Amino acid sequence: MGELERELLRAVWRSRHGLTPAEALQALDGSVAYTTVLTVLTRLFQKELLVRTREGKSHRYVAAVGEADFVAGKMRAALNSASDHGLAMSHFVGCLSADEKTVLSAVLLQIAAEQ
């Protein structure tokens, strides 16, 4: 995923009701051409990361998946690409900050309590 795609996806996640291409352009401070924004929004729609509805002569784009689910999917795909899941997880956890490890521990305890 390119940087502009990530920026637009973040802008859509921050918005309450999605964005039209013109609103997305404003969210990027007009740093790229309108046609570029439209192309990238269409690409994200084709990748099923955005849903669009007709609004006047344009479309309104809303996220098809939340940011947390999107990131979790990327993490799952990365783990699936490893031949040794345990080793990959060990290295990943080893790279976490102390605060991130605390959050991870809390999440694991919560999941264990729910099962």
PDB file of N, CA and C in Angstrom:
ATOM      1  N   MET A   1       0.851  -1.170   0.000  1.00  0.00           N
ATOM      2  CA  MET A   1       0.000   0.000   0.000  1.00  0.00           C
ATOM      3  C   MET A   1       0.898   1.235   0.000  1.00  0.00           C
ATOM      4  N   GLY A   2       0.578   2.162  -0.869  1.00  0.00           N
ATOM      5  CA  GLY A   2       1.362   3.382  -0.981  1.00  0.00           C
ATOM      6  C   GLY A   2       1.055   4.381   0.129  1.00  0.00           C
ATOM      7  N   GLU A   3       1.934   5.358   0.266  1.00  0.00           N
ATOM      8  CA  GLU A   3       1.786   6.370   1.311  1.00  0.00           C
ATOM      9  C   GLU A   3       0.497   7.173   1.139  1.00  0.00           C
ATOM     10  N   LEU A   4       0.164   7.554  -0.084  1.00  0.00           N
ATOM     11  CA  LEU A   4      -1.058   8.326  -0.311  1.00  0.00           C
ATOM     12  C   LEU A   4      -2.297   7.494   0.031  1.00  0.00           C
ATOM     13  N   GLU A   5      -2.264   6.210  -0.289  1.00  0.00           N
ATOM     14  CA  GLU A   5      -3.380   5.339   0.090  1.00  0.00           C
ATOM     15  C   GLU A   5      -3.525   5.300   1.610  1.00  0.00           C
ATOM     16  N   ARG A   6      -2.403   5.179   2.319  1.00  0.00           N
ATOM     17  CA  ARG A   6      -2.454   5.159   3.797  1.00  0.00           C
ATOM     18  C   ARG A   6      -2.986   6.479   4.340  1.00  0.00           C
ATOM     19  N   GLU A   7      -2.536   7.588   3.785  1.00  0.00           N
ATOM     20  CA  GLU A   7      -3.007   8.902   4.246  1.00  0.00           C
ATOM     21  C   GLU A   7      -4.507   9.060   4.039  1.00  0.00           C
ATOM     22  N   LEU A   8      -4.989   8.650   2.866  1.00  0.00           N
ATOM     23  CA  LEU A   8      -6.427   8.777   2.594  1.00  0.00           C
ATOM     24  C   LEU A   8      -7.238   7.831   3.473  1.00  0.00           C
ATOM     25  N   LEU A   9      -6.751   6.634   3.682  1.00  0.00           N
ATOM     26  CA  LEU A   9      -7.454   5.686   4.550  1.00  0.00           C
ATOM     27  C   LEU A   9      -7.527   6.239   5.971  1.00  0.00           C
ATOM     28  N   ARG A  10      -6.433   6.825   6.466  1.00  0.00           N
ATOM     29  CA  ARG A  10      -6.446   7.439   7.803  1.00  0.00           C
ATOM     30  C   ARG A  10      -7.450   8.586   7.868  1.00  0.00           C
ATOM     31  N   ALA A  11      -7.507   9.380   6.809  1.00  0.00           N
ATOM     32  CA  ALA A  11      -8.461  10.505   6.776  1.00  0.00           C
ATOM     33  C   ALA A  11      -9.897   9.994   6.820  1.00  0.00           C
ATOM     34  N   VAL A  12     -10.179   8.921   6.097  1.00  0.00           N
ATOM     35  CA  VAL A  12     -11.534   8.342   6.110  1.00  0.00           C
ATOM     36  C   VAL A  12     -11.842   7.787   7.496  1.00  0.00           C
ATOM     37  N   TRP A  13     -10.876   7.113   8.138  1.00  0.00           N
ATOM     38  CA  TRP A  13     -11.093   6.573   9.482  1.00  0.00           C
ATOM     39  C   TRP A  13     -11.383   7.694  10.481  1.00  0.00           C
ATOM     40  N   ARG A  14     -10.728   8.838  10.320  1.00  0.00           N
ATOM     41  CA  ARG A  14     -10.944   9.963  11.244  1.00  0.00           C
ATOM     42  C   ARG A  14     -12.296  10.640  11.039  1.00  0.00           C
ATOM     43  N   SER A  15     -12.844  10.532   9.853  1.00  0.00           N
ATOM     44  CA  SER A  15     -14.111  11.214   9.561  1.00  0.00           C
ATOM     45  C   SER A  15     -15.289  10.439  10.143  1.00  0.00           C
ATOM     46  N   ARG A  16     -16.316  11.154  10.515  1.00  0.00           N
ATOM     47  CA  ARG A  16     -17.504  10.504  11.091  1.00  0.00           C
ATOM     48  C   ARG A  16     -18.395   9.885  10.033  1.00  0.00           C
ATOM     49  N   HIS A  17     -18.481  10.541   8.882  1.00  0.00           N
ATOM     50  CA  HIS A  17     -19.439  10.104   7.866  1.00  0.00           C
ATOM     51  C   HIS A  17     -18.776   9.831   6.526  1.00  0.00           C
ATOM     52  N   GLY A  18     -17.490   9.529   6.545  1.00  0.00           N
ATOM     53  CA  GLY A  18     -16.786   9.295   5.299  1.00  0.00           C
ATOM     54  C   GLY A  18     -16.442  10.605   4.616  1.00  0.00           C
ATOM     55  N   LEU A  19     -15.852  10.503   3.445  1.00  0.00           N
ATOM     56  CA  LEU A  19     -15.389  11.689   2.730  1.00  0.00           C
ATOM     57  C   LEU A  19     -15.762  11.618   1.256  1.00  0.00           C
ATOM     58  N   THR A  20     -16.102  12.763   0.700  1.00  0.00           N
ATOM     59  CA  THR A  20     -16.198  12.893  -0.743  1.00  0.00           C
ATOM     60  C   THR A  20     -14.773  13.145  -1.249  1.00  0.00           C
ATOM     61  N   PRO A  21     -14.531  13.004  -2.538  1.00  0.00           N
ATOM     62  CA  PRO A  21     -13.185  13.312  -3.040  1.00  0.00           C
ATOM     63  C   PRO A  21     -12.743  14.742  -2.701  1.00  0.00           C
ATOM     64  N   ALA A  22     -13.658  15.708  -2.776  1.00  0.00           N
ATOM     65  CA  ALA A  22     -13.304  17.095  -2.445  1.00  0.00           C
ATOM     66  C   ALA A  22     -12.914  17.219  -0.973  1.00  0.00           C
ATOM     67  N   GLU A  23     -13.647  16.542  -0.092  1.00  0.00           N
ATOM     68  CA  GLU A  23     -13.313  16.568   1.339  1.00  0.00           C
ATOM     69  C   GLU A  23     -11.990  15.865   1.604  1.00  0.00           C
ATOM     70  N   ALA A  24     -11.744  14.777   0.866  1.00  0.00           N
ATOM     71  CA  ALA A  24     -10.476  14.060   1.008  1.00  0.00           C
ATOM     72  C   ALA A  24      -9.321  14.950   0.568  1.00  0.00           C
ATOM     73  N   LEU A  25      -9.514  15.698  -0.499  1.00  0.00           N
ATOM     74  CA  LEU A  25      -8.496  16.629  -0.971  1.00  0.00           C
ATOM     75  C   LEU A  25      -8.194  17.676   0.099  1.00  0.00           C
ATOM     76  N   GLN A  26      -9.229  18.187   0.747  1.00  0.00           N
ATOM     77  CA  GLN A  26      -9.041  19.150   1.841  1.00  0.00           C
ATOM     78  C   GLN A  26      -8.283  18.510   2.997  1.00  0.00           C
ATOM     79  N   ALA A  27      -8.587  17.259   3.304  1.00  0.00           N
ATOM     80  CA  ALA A  27      -7.907  16.558   4.396  1.00  0.00           C
ATOM     81  C   ALA A  27      -6.413  16.420   4.120  1.00  0.00           C
ATOM     82  N   LEU A  28      -6.049  16.397   2.847  1.00  0.00           N
ATOM     83  CA  LEU A  28      -4.640  16.314   2.458  1.00  0.00           C
ATOM     84  C   LEU A  28      -4.038  17.703   2.248  1.00  0.00           C
ATOM     85  N   ASP A  29      -4.778  18.740   2.626  1.00  0.00           N
ATOM     86  CA  ASP A  29      -4.333  20.131   2.474  1.00  0.00           C
ATOM     87  C   ASP A  29      -4.062  20.500   1.022  1.00  0.00           C
ATOM     88  N   GLY A  30      -4.754  19.844   0.108  1.00  0.00           N
ATOM     89  CA  GLY A  30      -4.607  20.169  -1.305  1.00  0.00           C
ATOM     90  C   GLY A  30      -3.221  19.887  -1.849  1.00  0.00           C
ATOM     91  N   SER A  31      -2.500  18.973  -1.229  1.00  0.00           N
ATOM     92  CA  SER A  31      -1.115  18.711  -1.617  1.00  0.00           C
ATOM     93  C   SER A  31      -0.981  17.874  -2.887  1.00  0.00           C
ATOM     94  N   VAL A  32      -2.094  17.318  -3.363  1.00  0.00           N
ATOM     95  CA  VAL A  32      -2.088  16.534  -4.603  1.00  0.00           C
ATOM     96  C   VAL A  32      -3.270  16.978  -5.452  1.00  0.00           C
ATOM     97  N   ALA A  33      -3.289  16.551  -6.689  1.00  0.00           N
ATOM     98  CA  ALA A  33      -4.370  16.923  -7.602  1.00  0.00           C
ATOM     99  C   ALA A  33      -5.659  16.173  -7.253  1.00  0.00           C
ATOM    100  N   TYR A  34      -6.785  16.814  -7.543  1.00  0.00           N
ATOM    101  CA  TYR A  34      -8.098  16.206  -7.307  1.00  0.00           C
ATOM    102  C   TYR A  34      -8.197  14.861  -8.018  1.00  0.00           C
ATOM    103  N   THR A  35      -7.714  14.795  -9.261  1.00  0.00           N
ATOM    104  CA  THR A  35      -7.815  13.547 -10.020  1.00  0.00           C
ATOM    105  C   THR A  35      -6.991  12.435  -9.370  1.00  0.00           C
ATOM    106  N   THR A  36      -5.884  12.794  -8.742  1.00  0.00           N
ATOM    107  CA  THR A  36      -5.069  11.804  -8.036  1.00  0.00           C
ATOM    108  C   THR A  36      -5.834  11.260  -6.844  1.00  0.00           C
ATOM    109  N   VAL A  37      -6.488  12.150  -6.089  1.00  0.00           N
ATOM    110  CA  VAL A  37      -7.296  11.727  -4.936  1.00  0.00           C
ATOM    111  C   VAL A  37      -8.404  10.794  -5.406  1.00  0.00           C
ATOM    112  N   LEU A  38      -9.078  11.170  -6.476  1.00  0.00           N
ATOM    113  CA  LEU A  38     -10.165  10.348  -7.015  1.00  0.00           C
ATOM    114  C   LEU A  38      -9.652   8.977  -7.435  1.00  0.00           C
ATOM    115  N   THR A  39      -8.509   8.924  -8.083  1.00  0.00           N
ATOM    116  CA  THR A  39      -7.924   7.655  -8.503  1.00  0.00           C
ATOM    117  C   THR A  39      -7.592   6.769  -7.302  1.00  0.00           C
ATOM    118  N   VAL A  40      -6.990   7.355  -6.269  1.00  0.00           N
ATOM    119  CA  VAL A  40      -6.602   6.570  -5.096  1.00  0.00           C
ATOM    120  C   VAL A  40      -7.838   6.099  -4.332  1.00  0.00           C
ATOM    121  N   LEU A  41      -8.849   6.941  -4.193  1.00  0.00           N
ATOM    122  CA  LEU A  41     -10.092   6.518  -3.538  1.00  0.00           C
ATOM    123  C   LEU A  41     -10.730   5.366  -4.312  1.00  0.00           C
ATOM    124  N   THR A  42     -10.729   5.454  -5.617  1.00  0.00           N
ATOM    125  CA  THR A  42     -11.279   4.375  -6.450  1.00  0.00           C
ATOM    126  C   THR A  42     -10.478   3.100  -6.261  1.00  0.00           C
ATOM    127  N   ARG A  43      -9.159   3.222  -6.180  1.00  0.00           N
ATOM    128  CA  ARG A  43      -8.309   2.053  -5.962  1.00  0.00           C
ATOM    129  C   ARG A  43      -8.612   1.406  -4.606  1.00  0.00           C
ATOM    130  N   LEU A  44      -8.773   2.221  -3.566  1.00  0.00           N
ATOM    131  CA  LEU A  44      -9.109   1.686  -2.240  1.00  0.00           C
ATOM    132  C   LEU A  44     -10.492   1.032  -2.245  1.00  0.00           C
ATOM    133  N   PHE A  45     -11.410   1.580  -3.013  1.00  0.00           N
ATOM    134  CA  PHE A  45     -12.737   0.975  -3.178  1.00  0.00           C
ATOM    135  C   PHE A  45     -12.603  -0.388  -3.870  1.00  0.00           C
ATOM    136  N   GLN A  46     -11.797  -0.456  -4.914  1.00  0.00           N
ATOM    137  CA  GLN A  46     -11.600  -1.711  -5.644  1.00  0.00           C
ATOM    138  C   GLN A  46     -10.916  -2.764  -4.785  1.00  0.00           C
ATOM    139  N   LYS A  47     -10.089  -2.333  -3.842  1.00  0.00           N
ATOM    140  CA  LYS A  47      -9.436  -3.253  -2.913  1.00  0.00           C
ATOM    141  C   LYS A  47     -10.355  -3.639  -1.753  1.00  0.00           C
ATOM    142  N   GLU A  48     -11.597  -3.136  -1.796  1.00  0.00           N
ATOM    143  CA  GLU A  48     -12.630  -3.391  -0.788  1.00  0.00           C
ATOM    144  C   GLU A  48     -12.261  -2.859   0.595  1.00  0.00           C
ATOM    145  N   LEU A  49     -11.441  -1.800   0.624  1.00  0.00           N
ATOM    146  CA  LEU A  49     -11.121  -1.133   1.880  1.00  0.00           C
ATOM    147  C   LEU A  49     -12.078   0.023   2.140  1.00  0.00           C
ATOM    148  N   LEU A  50     -12.731   0.507   1.075  1.00  0.00           N
ATOM    149  CA  LEU A  50     -13.730   1.562   1.188  1.00  0.00           C
ATOM    150  C   LEU A  50     -15.023   1.106   0.527  1.00  0.00           C
ATOM    151  N   VAL A  51     -16.118   1.658   1.023  1.00  0.00           N
ATOM    152  CA  VAL A  51     -17.435   1.479   0.420  1.00  0.00           C
ATOM    153  C   VAL A  51     -17.851   2.856  -0.066  1.00  0.00           C
ATOM    154  N   ARG A  52     -18.508   2.931  -1.189  1.00  0.00           N
ATOM    155  CA  ARG A  52     -18.923   4.243  -1.679  1.00  0.00           C
ATOM    156  C   ARG A  52     -20.413   4.271  -1.981  1.00  0.00           C
ATOM    157  N   THR A  53     -20.976   5.426  -1.752  1.00  0.00           N
ATOM    158  CA  THR A  53     -22.377   5.665  -2.080  1.00  0.00           C
ATOM    159  C   THR A  53     -22.454   6.937  -2.903  1.00  0.00           C
ATOM    160  N   ARG A  54     -23.420   6.977  -3.784  1.00  0.00           N
ATOM    161  CA  ARG A  54     -23.597   8.138  -4.651  1.00  0.00           C
ATOM    162  C   ARG A  54     -24.059   9.319  -3.812  1.00  0.00           C
ATOM    163  N   GLU A  55     -23.434  10.454  -4.028  1.00  0.00           N
ATOM    164  CA  GLU A  55     -23.834  11.695  -3.361  1.00  0.00           C
ATOM    165  C   GLU A  55     -23.754  12.814  -4.387  1.00  0.00           C
ATOM    166  N   GLY A  56     -24.908  13.179  -4.927  1.00  0.00           N
ATOM    167  CA  GLY A  56     -24.921  14.179  -5.996  1.00  0.00           C
ATOM    168  C   GLY A  56     -24.222  13.639  -7.222  1.00  0.00           C
ATOM    169  N   LYS A  57     -23.271  14.412  -7.725  1.00  0.00           N
ATOM    170  CA  LYS A  57     -22.509  13.981  -8.902  1.00  0.00           C
ATOM    171  C   LYS A  57     -21.257  13.203  -8.513  1.00  0.00           C
ATOM    172  N   SER A  58     -21.045  13.018  -7.242  1.00  0.00           N
ATOM    173  CA  SER A  58     -19.834  12.379  -6.755  1.00  0.00           C
ATOM    174  C   SER A  58     -20.185  11.157  -5.914  1.00  0.00           C
ATOM    175  N   HIS A  59     -19.228  10.673  -5.169  1.00  0.00           N
ATOM    176  CA  HIS A  59     -19.425   9.573  -4.231  1.00  0.00           C
ATOM    177  C   HIS A  59     -18.937   9.994  -2.857  1.00  0.00           C
ATOM    178  N   ARG A  60     -19.484   9.344  -1.828  1.00  0.00           N
ATOM    179  CA  ARG A  60     -18.968   9.469  -0.469  1.00  0.00           C
ATOM    180  C   ARG A  60     -18.347   8.123  -0.131  1.00  0.00           C
ATOM    181  N   TYR A  61     -17.127   8.172   0.344  1.00  0.00           N
ATOM    182  CA  TYR A  61     -16.366   6.967   0.669  1.00  0.00           C
ATOM    183  C   TYR A  61     -16.297   6.793   2.179  1.00  0.00           C
ATOM    184  N   VAL A  62     -16.665   5.604   2.644  1.00  0.00           N
ATOM    185  CA  VAL A  62     -16.556   5.267   4.065  1.00  0.00           C
ATOM    186  C   VAL A  62     -15.723   3.997   4.184  1.00  0.00           C
ATOM    187  N   ALA A  63     -15.123   3.818   5.332  1.00  0.00           N
ATOM    188  CA  ALA A  63     -14.261   2.652   5.550  1.00  0.00           C
ATOM    189  C   ALA A  63     -15.092   1.379   5.583  1.00  0.00           C
ATOM    190  N   ALA A  64     -14.610   0.361   4.879  1.00  0.00           N
ATOM    191  CA  ALA A  64     -15.263  -0.947   4.897  1.00  0.00           C
ATOM    192  C   ALA A  64     -14.854  -1.729   6.131  1.00  0.00           C
ATOM    193  N   VAL A  65     -13.727  -1.356   6.713  1.00  0.00           N
ATOM    194  CA  VAL A  65     -13.199  -2.033   7.882  1.00  0.00           C
ATOM    195  C   VAL A  65     -12.535  -0.975   8.758  1.00  0.00           C
ATOM    196  N   GLY A  66     -12.631  -1.148  10.060  1.00  0.00           N
ATOM    197  CA  GLY A  66     -12.014  -0.213  10.987  1.00  0.00           C
ATOM    198  C   GLY A  66     -10.501  -0.340  10.994  1.00  0.00           C
ATOM    199  N   GLU A  67      -9.858   0.685  11.529  1.00  0.00           N
ATOM    200  CA  GLU A  67      -8.398   0.698  11.547  1.00  0.00           C
ATOM    201  C   GLU A  67      -7.818  -0.495  12.310  1.00  0.00           C
ATOM    202  N   ALA A  68      -8.382  -0.808  13.466  1.00  0.00           N
ATOM    203  CA  ALA A  68      -7.859  -1.918  14.269  1.00  0.00           C
ATOM    204  C   ALA A  68      -7.981  -3.245  13.513  1.00  0.00           C
ATOM    205  N   ASP A  69      -9.108  -3.483  12.867  1.00  0.00           N
ATOM    206  CA  ASP A  69      -9.289  -4.713  12.094  1.00  0.00           C
ATOM    207  C   ASP A  69      -8.331  -4.767  10.907  1.00  0.00           C
ATOM    208  N   PHE A  70      -8.129  -3.620  10.274  1.00  0.00           N
ATOM    209  CA  PHE A  70      -7.212  -3.548   9.138  1.00  0.00           C
ATOM    210  C   PHE A  70      -5.791  -3.913   9.572  1.00  0.00           C
ATOM    211  N   VAL A  71      -5.338  -3.301  10.656  1.00  0.00           N
ATOM    212  CA  VAL A  71      -3.983  -3.562  11.147  1.00  0.00           C
ATOM    213  C   VAL A  71      -3.850  -5.018  11.600  1.00  0.00           C
ATOM    214  N   ALA A  72      -4.872  -5.528  12.289  1.00  0.00           N
ATOM    215  CA  ALA A  72      -4.833  -6.921  12.728  1.00  0.00           C
ATOM    216  C   ALA A  72      -4.733  -7.865  11.534  1.00  0.00           C
ATOM    217  N   GLY A  73      -5.424  -7.557  10.471  1.00  0.00           N
ATOM    218  CA  GLY A  73      -5.346  -8.373   9.257  1.00  0.00           C
ATOM    219  C   GLY A  73      -3.953  -8.353   8.657  1.00  0.00           C
ATOM    220  N   LYS A  74      -3.321  -7.184   8.650  1.00  0.00           N
ATOM    221  CA  LYS A  74      -1.945  -7.075   8.143  1.00  0.00           C
ATOM    222  C   LYS A  74      -0.992  -7.885   9.015  1.00  0.00           C
ATOM    223  N   MET A  75      -1.188  -7.817  10.337  1.00  0.00           N
ATOM    224  CA  MET A  75      -0.339  -8.571  11.257  1.00  0.00           C
ATOM    225  C   MET A  75      -0.544 -10.069  11.052  1.00  0.00           C
ATOM    226  N   ARG A  76      -1.786 -10.483  10.869  1.00  0.00           N
ATOM    227  CA  ARG A  76      -2.089 -11.902  10.636  1.00  0.00           C
ATOM    228  C   ARG A  76      -1.429 -12.390   9.349  1.00  0.00           C
ATOM    229  N   ALA A  77      -1.519 -11.569   8.287  1.00  0.00           N
ATOM    230  CA  ALA A  77      -0.910 -11.939   7.010  1.00  0.00           C
ATOM    231  C   ALA A  77       0.604 -12.053   7.144  1.00  0.00           C
ATOM    232  N   ALA A  78       1.210 -11.140   7.888  1.00  0.00           N
ATOM    233  CA  ALA A  78       2.662 -11.198   8.099  1.00  0.00           C
ATOM    234  C   ALA A  78       3.031 -12.471   8.858  1.00  0.00           C
ATOM    235  N   LEU A  79       2.252 -12.801   9.871  1.00  0.00           N
ATOM    236  CA  LEU A  79       2.528 -14.021  10.641  1.00  0.00           C
ATOM    237  C   LEU A  79       2.358 -15.262   9.771  1.00  0.00           C
ATOM    238  N   ASN A  80       1.329 -15.265   8.942  1.00  0.00           N
ATOM    239  CA  ASN A  80       1.095 -16.410   8.054  1.00  0.00           C
ATOM    240  C   ASN A  80       2.231 -16.614   7.063  1.00  0.00           C
ATOM    241  N   SER A  81       2.976 -15.557   6.763  1.00  0.00           N
ATOM    242  CA  SER A  81       4.073 -15.678   5.802  1.00  0.00           C
ATOM    243  C   SER A  81       5.329 -16.274   6.437  1.00  0.00           C
ATOM    244  N   ALA A  82       5.353 -16.376   7.767  1.00  0.00           N
ATOM    245  CA  ALA A  82       6.525 -16.926   8.460  1.00  0.00           C
ATOM    246  C   ALA A  82       6.448 -18.453   8.485  1.00  0.00           C
ATOM    247  N   SER A  83       7.585 -19.099   8.305  1.00  0.00           N
ATOM    248  CA  SER A  83       7.598 -20.559   8.380  1.00  0.00           C
ATOM    249  C   SER A  83       7.547 -21.036   9.826  1.00  0.00           C
ATOM    250  N   ASP A  84       8.030 -20.225  10.753  1.00  0.00           N
ATOM    251  CA  ASP A  84       8.004 -20.550  12.180  1.00  0.00           C
ATOM    252  C   ASP A  84       7.244 -19.451  12.919  1.00  0.00           C
ATOM    253  N   HIS A  85       5.967 -19.680  13.147  1.00  0.00           N
ATOM    254  CA  HIS A  85       5.118 -18.668  13.786  1.00  0.00           C
ATOM    255  C   HIS A  85       5.626 -18.279  15.169  1.00  0.00           C
ATOM    256  N   GLY A  86       6.037 -19.268  15.947  1.00  0.00           N
ATOM    257  CA  GLY A  86       6.512 -18.995  17.304  1.00  0.00           C
ATOM    258  C   GLY A  86       7.731 -18.093  17.307  1.00  0.00           C
ATOM    259  N   LEU A  87       8.663 -18.361  16.424  1.00  0.00           N
ATOM    260  CA  LEU A  87       9.878 -17.548  16.341  1.00  0.00           C
ATOM    261  C   LEU A  87       9.544 -16.129  15.885  1.00  0.00           C
ATOM    262  N   ALA A  88       8.658 -16.013  14.910  1.00  0.00           N
ATOM    263  CA  ALA A  88       8.257 -14.688  14.429  1.00  0.00           C
ATOM    264  C   ALA A  88       7.577 -13.896  15.541  1.00  0.00           C
ATOM    265  N   MET A  89       6.667 -14.557  16.291  1.00  0.00           N
ATOM    266  CA  MET A  89       6.000 -13.868  17.401  1.00  0.00           C
ATOM    267  C   MET A  89       7.006 -13.461  18.470  1.00  0.00           C
ATOM    268  N   SER A  90       7.968 -14.331  18.744  1.00  0.00           N
ATOM    269  CA  SER A  90       8.983 -14.028  19.741  1.00  0.00           C
ATOM    270  C   SER A  90       9.789 -12.794  19.354  1.00  0.00           C
ATOM    271  N   HIS A  91      10.177 -12.724  18.104  1.00  0.00           N
ATOM    272  CA  HIS A  91      10.937 -11.554  17.633  1.00  0.00           C
ATOM    273  C   HIS A  91      10.070 -10.293  17.660  1.00  0.00           C
ATOM    274  N   PHE A  92       8.807 -10.434  17.281  1.00  0.00           N
ATOM    275  CA  PHE A  92       7.905  -9.281  17.295  1.00  0.00           C
ATOM    276  C   PHE A  92       7.746  -8.750  18.719  1.00  0.00           C
ATOM    277  N   VAL A  93       7.451  -9.623  19.644  1.00  0.00           N
ATOM    278  CA  VAL A  93       7.257  -9.202  21.037  1.00  0.00           C
ATOM    279  C   VAL A  93       8.552  -8.619  21.596  1.00  0.00           C
ATOM    280  N   GLY A  94       9.680  -9.165  21.184  1.00  0.00           N
ATOM    281  CA  GLY A  94      10.962  -8.636  21.633  1.00  0.00           C
ATOM    282  C   GLY A  94      11.212  -7.209  21.178  1.00  0.00           C
ATOM    283  N   CYS A  95      10.570  -6.798  20.102  1.00  0.00           N
ATOM    284  CA  CYS A  95      10.724  -5.434  19.573  1.00  0.00           C
ATOM    285  C   CYS A  95       9.768  -4.437  20.214  1.00  0.00           C
ATOM    286  N   LEU A  96       8.817  -4.920  21.003  1.00  0.00           N
ATOM    287  CA  LEU A  96       7.832  -4.029  21.616  1.00  0.00           C
ATOM    288  C   LEU A  96       8.447  -3.237  22.759  1.00  0.00           C
ATOM    289  N   SER A  97       7.892  -2.031  22.963  1.00  0.00           N
ATOM    290  CA  SER A  97       8.310  -1.228  24.112  1.00  0.00           C
ATOM    291  C   SER A  97       7.716  -1.842  25.378  1.00  0.00           C
ATOM    292  N   ALA A  98       8.184  -1.388  26.527  1.00  0.00           N
ATOM    293  CA  ALA A  98       7.649  -1.889  27.799  1.00  0.00           C
ATOM    294  C   ALA A  98       6.156  -1.612  27.899  1.00  0.00           C
ATOM    295  N   ASP A  99       5.726  -0.425  27.470  1.00  0.00           N
ATOM    296  CA  ASP A  99       4.294  -0.085  27.516  1.00  0.00           C
ATOM    297  C   ASP A  99       3.482  -0.994  26.595  1.00  0.00           C
ATOM    298  N   GLU A 100       4.009  -1.273  25.405  1.00  0.00           N
ATOM    299  CA  GLU A 100       3.305  -2.147  24.471  1.00  0.00           C
ATOM    300  C   GLU A 100       3.217  -3.570  25.014  1.00  0.00           C
ATOM    301  N   LYS A 101       4.265  -4.032  25.696  1.00  0.00           N
ATOM    302  CA  LYS A 101       4.235  -5.358  26.302  1.00  0.00           C
ATOM    303  C   LYS A 101       3.196  -5.420  27.417  1.00  0.00           C
ATOM    304  N   THR A 102       3.054  -4.340  28.163  1.00  0.00           N
ATOM    305  CA  THR A 102       2.038  -4.275  29.216  1.00  0.00           C
ATOM    306  C   THR A 102       0.646  -4.375  28.615  1.00  0.00           C
ATOM    307  N   VAL A 103       0.421  -3.646  27.524  1.00  0.00           N
ATOM    308  CA  VAL A 103      -0.883  -3.703  26.840  1.00  0.00           C
ATOM    309  C   VAL A 103      -1.128  -5.108  26.307  1.00  0.00           C
ATOM    310  N   LEU A 104      -0.129  -5.704  25.682  1.00  0.00           N
ATOM    311  CA  LEU A 104      -0.267  -7.067  25.156  1.00  0.00           C
ATOM    312  C   LEU A 104      -0.609  -8.050  26.261  1.00  0.00           C
ATOM    313  N   SER A 105       0.066  -7.941  27.391  1.00  0.00           N
ATOM    314  CA  SER A 105      -0.221  -8.832  28.525  1.00  0.00           C
ATOM    315  C   SER A 105      -1.660  -8.667  28.995  1.00  0.00           C
ATOM    316  N   ALA A 106      -2.121  -7.448  29.083  1.00  0.00           N
ATOM    317  CA  ALA A 106      -3.491  -7.177  29.518  1.00  0.00           C
ATOM    318  C   ALA A 106      -4.503  -7.755  28.546  1.00  0.00           C
ATOM    319  N   VAL A 107      -4.226  -7.602  27.248  1.00  0.00           N
ATOM    320  CA  VAL A 107      -5.131  -8.143  26.221  1.00  0.00           C
ATOM    321  C   VAL A 107      -5.175  -9.670  26.322  1.00  0.00           C
ATOM    322  N   LEU A 108      -4.025 -10.301  26.479  1.00  0.00           N
ATOM    323  CA  LEU A 108      -3.992 -11.765  26.584  1.00  0.00           C
ATOM    324  C   LEU A 108      -4.735 -12.262  27.821  1.00  0.00           C
ATOM    325  N   LEU A 109      -4.573 -11.552  28.940  1.00  0.00           N
ATOM    326  CA  LEU A 109      -5.318 -11.925  30.163  1.00  0.00           C
ATOM    327  C   LEU A 109      -6.823 -11.765  29.959  1.00  0.00           C
ATOM    328  N   GLN A 110      -7.226 -10.702  29.301  1.00  0.00           N
ATOM    329  CA  GLN A 110      -8.650 -10.476  29.043  1.00  0.00           C
ATOM    330  C   GLN A 110      -9.226 -11.559  28.142  1.00  0.00           C
ATOM    331  N   ILE A 111      -8.503 -11.913  27.101  1.00  0.00           N
ATOM    332  CA  ILE A 111      -8.975 -12.971  26.197  1.00  0.00           C
ATOM    333  C   ILE A 111      -9.065 -14.304  26.929  1.00  0.00           C
ATOM    334  N   ALA A 112      -8.073 -14.603  27.740  1.00  0.00           N
ATOM    335  CA  ALA A 112      -8.086 -15.851  28.510  1.00  0.00           C
ATOM    336  C   ALA A 112      -9.276 -15.896  29.485  1.00  0.00           C
ATOM    337  N   ALA A 113      -9.592 -14.769  30.095  1.00  0.00           N
ATOM    338  CA  ALA A 113     -10.708 -14.702  31.034  1.00  0.00           C
ATOM    339  C   ALA A 113     -12.051 -14.882  30.321  1.00  0.00           C
ATOM    340  N   GLU A 114     -12.134 -14.469  29.063  1.00  0.00           N
ATOM    341  CA  GLU A 114     -13.380 -14.573  28.297  1.00  0.00           C
ATOM    342  C   GLU A 114     -13.620 -15.979  27.770  1.00  0.00           C
ATOM    343  N   GLN A 115     -12.589 -16.819  27.757  1.00  0.00           N
ATOM    344  CA  GLN A 115     -12.742 -18.160  27.174  1.00  0.00           C
ATOM    345  C   GLN A 115     -13.197 -19.157  28.166  1.00  0.00           C
TER     346      GLN A 115
END
